[in-house]
N, C-alpha and C. Protein backbone atom coordinates (compact mmCIF):
# COMPACT_ATOMS: atom_id res chain seq x y z
N MET A 1 -125.05 -34.89 -106.93
CA MET A 1 -123.86 -34.61 -106.13
C MET A 1 -122.70 -35.47 -106.64
N SER A 2 -121.60 -34.83 -106.91
CA SER A 2 -120.45 -35.53 -107.47
C SER A 2 -119.59 -36.15 -106.37
N ILE A 3 -119.05 -37.31 -106.65
CA ILE A 3 -118.16 -38.00 -105.72
C ILE A 3 -116.71 -37.57 -105.93
N LEU A 4 -116.46 -36.82 -107.00
CA LEU A 4 -115.10 -36.40 -107.35
C LEU A 4 -114.40 -35.63 -106.23
N PRO A 5 -115.04 -34.65 -105.57
CA PRO A 5 -114.34 -33.95 -104.48
C PRO A 5 -113.90 -34.89 -103.35
N ALA A 6 -114.71 -35.85 -103.03
CA ALA A 6 -114.35 -36.80 -101.97
C ALA A 6 -113.16 -37.66 -102.38
N ILE A 7 -113.13 -38.06 -103.64
CA ILE A 7 -112.01 -38.86 -104.15
C ILE A 7 -110.73 -38.03 -104.13
N LEU A 8 -110.81 -36.78 -104.59
CA LEU A 8 -109.62 -35.92 -104.60
C LEU A 8 -109.12 -35.66 -103.18
N LEU A 9 -110.02 -35.44 -102.26
CA LEU A 9 -109.63 -35.22 -100.87
C LEU A 9 -108.95 -36.47 -100.30
N SER A 10 -109.49 -37.63 -100.59
CA SER A 10 -108.90 -38.88 -100.12
C SER A 10 -107.51 -39.10 -100.70
N LEU A 11 -107.35 -38.84 -101.99
CA LEU A 11 -106.04 -39.01 -102.63
C LEU A 11 -105.02 -38.02 -102.07
N THR A 12 -105.45 -36.80 -101.79
CA THR A 12 -104.55 -35.80 -101.21
C THR A 12 -104.11 -36.25 -99.82
N PHE A 13 -105.03 -36.76 -99.04
CA PHE A 13 -104.71 -37.24 -97.70
C PHE A 13 -103.71 -38.39 -97.75
N VAL A 14 -103.93 -39.33 -98.64
CA VAL A 14 -103.03 -40.48 -98.80
C VAL A 14 -101.64 -39.99 -99.23
N ALA A 15 -101.58 -39.04 -100.14
CA ALA A 15 -100.30 -38.51 -100.61
C ALA A 15 -99.56 -37.82 -99.47
N LEU A 16 -100.26 -37.06 -98.65
CA LEU A 16 -99.63 -36.39 -97.51
C LEU A 16 -99.11 -37.40 -96.50
N LEU A 17 -99.88 -38.43 -96.24
CA LEU A 17 -99.42 -39.48 -95.32
C LEU A 17 -98.18 -40.18 -95.86
N ALA A 18 -98.18 -40.48 -97.15
CA ALA A 18 -97.03 -41.15 -97.75
C ALA A 18 -95.80 -40.27 -97.67
N PHE A 19 -95.95 -38.97 -97.90
CA PHE A 19 -94.82 -38.04 -97.81
C PHE A 19 -94.29 -37.98 -96.38
N ALA A 20 -95.19 -37.87 -95.41
CA ALA A 20 -94.77 -37.80 -94.00
C ALA A 20 -94.09 -39.09 -93.58
N PHE A 21 -94.64 -40.22 -93.98
CA PHE A 21 -94.05 -41.52 -93.64
C PHE A 21 -92.66 -41.64 -94.24
N ARG A 22 -92.50 -41.23 -95.48
CA ARG A 22 -91.20 -41.29 -96.16
C ARG A 22 -90.19 -40.39 -95.47
N ARG A 23 -90.61 -39.18 -95.08
CA ARG A 23 -89.71 -38.23 -94.44
C ARG A 23 -89.22 -38.78 -93.10
N VAL A 24 -90.10 -39.35 -92.31
CA VAL A 24 -89.72 -39.86 -91.00
C VAL A 24 -88.87 -41.12 -91.14
N ASN A 25 -89.25 -42.02 -92.02
CA ASN A 25 -88.56 -43.30 -92.12
C ASN A 25 -87.37 -43.31 -93.06
N SER A 26 -87.06 -42.17 -93.66
CA SER A 26 -85.90 -42.14 -94.54
C SER A 26 -84.63 -41.80 -93.77
N GLY A 27 -84.69 -41.89 -92.46
CA GLY A 27 -83.57 -41.49 -91.64
C GLY A 27 -82.62 -42.60 -91.26
N ALA A 28 -82.68 -43.75 -91.92
CA ALA A 28 -81.72 -44.80 -91.61
C ALA A 28 -80.32 -44.27 -91.87
N ILE A 29 -79.41 -44.57 -90.98
CA ILE A 29 -78.04 -44.09 -91.13
C ILE A 29 -77.27 -45.11 -91.95
N ASP A 30 -76.78 -44.68 -93.07
CA ASP A 30 -76.02 -45.54 -93.96
C ASP A 30 -74.54 -45.26 -93.75
N SER A 31 -73.85 -46.17 -93.07
CA SER A 31 -72.44 -45.93 -92.74
C SER A 31 -71.54 -46.06 -93.97
N ARG A 32 -72.13 -46.45 -95.10
CA ARG A 32 -71.35 -46.50 -96.34
C ARG A 32 -71.27 -45.14 -97.01
N LYS A 33 -72.08 -44.17 -96.51
CA LYS A 33 -72.16 -42.87 -97.15
C LYS A 33 -71.89 -41.73 -96.16
N PRO A 34 -70.64 -41.56 -95.78
CA PRO A 34 -70.35 -40.44 -94.87
C PRO A 34 -70.48 -39.11 -95.60
N ALA A 35 -70.83 -38.09 -94.84
CA ALA A 35 -70.90 -36.72 -95.38
C ALA A 35 -69.64 -35.99 -94.95
N GLU A 36 -68.99 -35.34 -95.90
CA GLU A 36 -67.79 -34.58 -95.58
C GLU A 36 -68.17 -33.35 -94.75
N ASN A 37 -67.36 -33.04 -93.76
CA ASN A 37 -67.54 -31.84 -92.97
C ASN A 37 -67.07 -30.67 -93.83
N ALA A 38 -68.02 -29.92 -94.36
CA ALA A 38 -67.71 -28.89 -95.35
C ALA A 38 -66.86 -27.75 -94.79
N ASP A 39 -67.04 -27.43 -93.53
CA ASP A 39 -66.29 -26.32 -92.92
C ASP A 39 -65.48 -26.88 -91.76
N HIS A 40 -64.63 -27.84 -92.06
CA HIS A 40 -63.85 -28.57 -91.06
C HIS A 40 -62.95 -27.62 -90.26
N LYS A 41 -63.05 -27.72 -88.95
CA LYS A 41 -62.21 -26.94 -88.05
C LYS A 41 -61.38 -27.90 -87.21
N PHE A 42 -60.30 -27.41 -86.65
CA PHE A 42 -59.41 -28.23 -85.83
C PHE A 42 -60.21 -28.90 -84.72
N GLY A 43 -59.99 -30.19 -84.55
CA GLY A 43 -60.66 -30.94 -83.49
C GLY A 43 -62.00 -31.55 -83.89
N GLU A 44 -62.52 -31.16 -85.02
CA GLU A 44 -63.79 -31.72 -85.48
C GLU A 44 -63.55 -32.94 -86.36
N ALA A 45 -64.54 -33.78 -86.44
CA ALA A 45 -64.46 -34.95 -87.32
C ALA A 45 -64.45 -34.49 -88.77
N GLY A 46 -63.74 -35.22 -89.59
CA GLY A 46 -63.69 -34.90 -91.01
C GLY A 46 -64.93 -35.34 -91.76
N THR A 47 -65.61 -36.35 -91.21
CA THR A 47 -66.84 -36.85 -91.83
C THR A 47 -67.88 -37.10 -90.74
N TYR A 48 -69.13 -37.05 -91.16
CA TYR A 48 -70.26 -37.34 -90.29
C TYR A 48 -71.19 -38.30 -91.02
N TYR A 49 -72.07 -38.90 -90.26
CA TYR A 49 -73.10 -39.79 -90.81
C TYR A 49 -74.45 -39.17 -90.50
N ARG A 50 -75.24 -38.97 -91.56
CA ARG A 50 -76.53 -38.29 -91.43
C ARG A 50 -77.62 -39.25 -90.98
N GLY A 51 -78.52 -38.70 -90.18
CA GLY A 51 -79.69 -39.45 -89.76
C GLY A 51 -80.80 -38.49 -89.39
N ARG A 52 -81.90 -39.02 -88.96
CA ARG A 52 -83.02 -38.21 -88.49
C ARG A 52 -83.48 -38.73 -87.15
N VAL A 53 -83.87 -37.80 -86.28
CA VAL A 53 -84.34 -38.14 -84.95
C VAL A 53 -85.72 -37.50 -84.79
N ILE A 54 -86.67 -38.29 -84.28
CA ILE A 54 -88.00 -37.76 -84.00
C ILE A 54 -88.01 -37.32 -82.54
N GLY A 55 -88.24 -36.04 -82.32
CA GLY A 55 -88.25 -35.49 -80.97
C GLY A 55 -89.50 -35.87 -80.19
N HIS A 56 -89.49 -35.53 -78.91
CA HIS A 56 -90.64 -35.82 -78.05
C HIS A 56 -91.91 -35.15 -78.55
N ASP A 57 -91.73 -34.03 -79.24
CA ASP A 57 -92.89 -33.29 -79.76
C ASP A 57 -93.33 -33.78 -81.13
N GLY A 58 -92.66 -34.82 -81.65
CA GLY A 58 -93.00 -35.37 -82.96
C GLY A 58 -92.28 -34.70 -84.11
N ALA A 59 -91.53 -33.65 -83.83
CA ALA A 59 -90.79 -32.95 -84.89
C ALA A 59 -89.60 -33.80 -85.34
N VAL A 60 -89.31 -33.76 -86.62
CA VAL A 60 -88.20 -34.52 -87.18
C VAL A 60 -86.99 -33.59 -87.26
N HIS A 61 -85.87 -34.05 -86.69
CA HIS A 61 -84.65 -33.26 -86.66
C HIS A 61 -83.54 -34.00 -87.40
N ASP A 62 -82.80 -33.27 -88.23
CA ASP A 62 -81.62 -33.84 -88.86
C ASP A 62 -80.55 -33.97 -87.79
N ALA A 63 -79.72 -35.01 -87.90
CA ALA A 63 -78.66 -35.23 -86.91
C ALA A 63 -77.41 -35.72 -87.63
N LEU A 64 -76.26 -35.38 -87.05
CA LEU A 64 -74.97 -35.83 -87.58
C LEU A 64 -74.25 -36.60 -86.49
N PHE A 65 -73.74 -37.77 -86.83
CA PHE A 65 -73.04 -38.62 -85.88
C PHE A 65 -71.63 -38.91 -86.39
N THR A 66 -70.68 -39.01 -85.47
CA THR A 66 -69.34 -39.43 -85.85
C THR A 66 -69.30 -40.95 -85.92
N ALA A 67 -68.23 -41.48 -86.50
CA ALA A 67 -68.07 -42.94 -86.56
C ALA A 67 -68.00 -43.52 -85.15
N ASP A 68 -67.33 -42.84 -84.24
CA ASP A 68 -67.25 -43.32 -82.85
C ASP A 68 -68.62 -43.35 -82.18
N GLN A 69 -69.43 -42.34 -82.42
CA GLN A 69 -70.77 -42.31 -81.84
C GLN A 69 -71.62 -43.46 -82.37
N LEU A 70 -71.49 -43.76 -83.65
CA LEU A 70 -72.21 -44.91 -84.21
C LEU A 70 -71.74 -46.21 -83.59
N SER A 71 -70.43 -46.37 -83.42
CA SER A 71 -69.88 -47.59 -82.82
C SER A 71 -70.40 -47.79 -81.40
N VAL A 72 -70.42 -46.72 -80.62
CA VAL A 72 -70.91 -46.80 -79.24
C VAL A 72 -72.39 -47.20 -79.23
N ALA A 73 -73.18 -46.60 -80.10
CA ALA A 73 -74.61 -46.91 -80.15
C ALA A 73 -74.87 -48.35 -80.58
N ILE A 74 -74.10 -48.83 -81.56
CA ILE A 74 -74.26 -50.21 -82.02
C ILE A 74 -73.87 -51.19 -80.92
N GLU A 75 -72.76 -50.93 -80.25
CA GLU A 75 -72.33 -51.80 -79.15
C GLU A 75 -73.36 -51.81 -78.02
N ARG A 76 -73.94 -50.65 -77.72
CA ARG A 76 -74.95 -50.56 -76.66
C ARG A 76 -76.17 -51.41 -77.03
N ALA A 77 -76.59 -51.34 -78.28
CA ALA A 77 -77.75 -52.12 -78.73
C ALA A 77 -77.45 -53.61 -78.69
N GLN A 78 -76.22 -53.99 -79.01
CA GLN A 78 -75.84 -55.41 -78.97
C GLN A 78 -75.80 -55.94 -77.53
N ARG A 79 -75.40 -55.10 -76.59
CA ARG A 79 -75.37 -55.50 -75.19
C ARG A 79 -76.76 -55.55 -74.55
N ASN A 80 -77.70 -54.84 -75.15
CA ASN A 80 -79.06 -54.72 -74.59
C ASN A 80 -80.13 -55.09 -75.62
N PRO A 81 -80.11 -56.32 -76.14
CA PRO A 81 -81.07 -56.66 -77.20
C PRO A 81 -82.52 -56.57 -76.73
N GLU A 82 -82.76 -56.66 -75.44
CA GLU A 82 -84.13 -56.58 -74.93
C GLU A 82 -84.71 -55.16 -75.10
N ASP A 83 -83.85 -54.18 -75.31
CA ASP A 83 -84.30 -52.80 -75.46
C ASP A 83 -84.42 -52.37 -76.90
N VAL A 84 -84.09 -53.23 -77.84
CA VAL A 84 -84.12 -52.89 -79.26
C VAL A 84 -85.42 -53.39 -79.88
N GLY A 85 -86.06 -52.50 -80.61
CA GLY A 85 -87.25 -52.82 -81.39
C GLY A 85 -88.28 -53.54 -80.66
């Protein structure tokens, strides 16, 4: 009996976990890299900041935040350090 199938299965599992971990954790919002609003309409922000949000169901959702929304969130976290991490 060959051990090769077990090794291949283990490597595949590790690769899938690494991909899932990277996808979920690659959502840090980098305020140095705004995304231009490609179809800018009156009243909309000209730029957004990309991030990812994990929903209650575990699904990963792309999200766009304005500079003001980021400022509010950062200020909220600074006022409530007991609720962060």
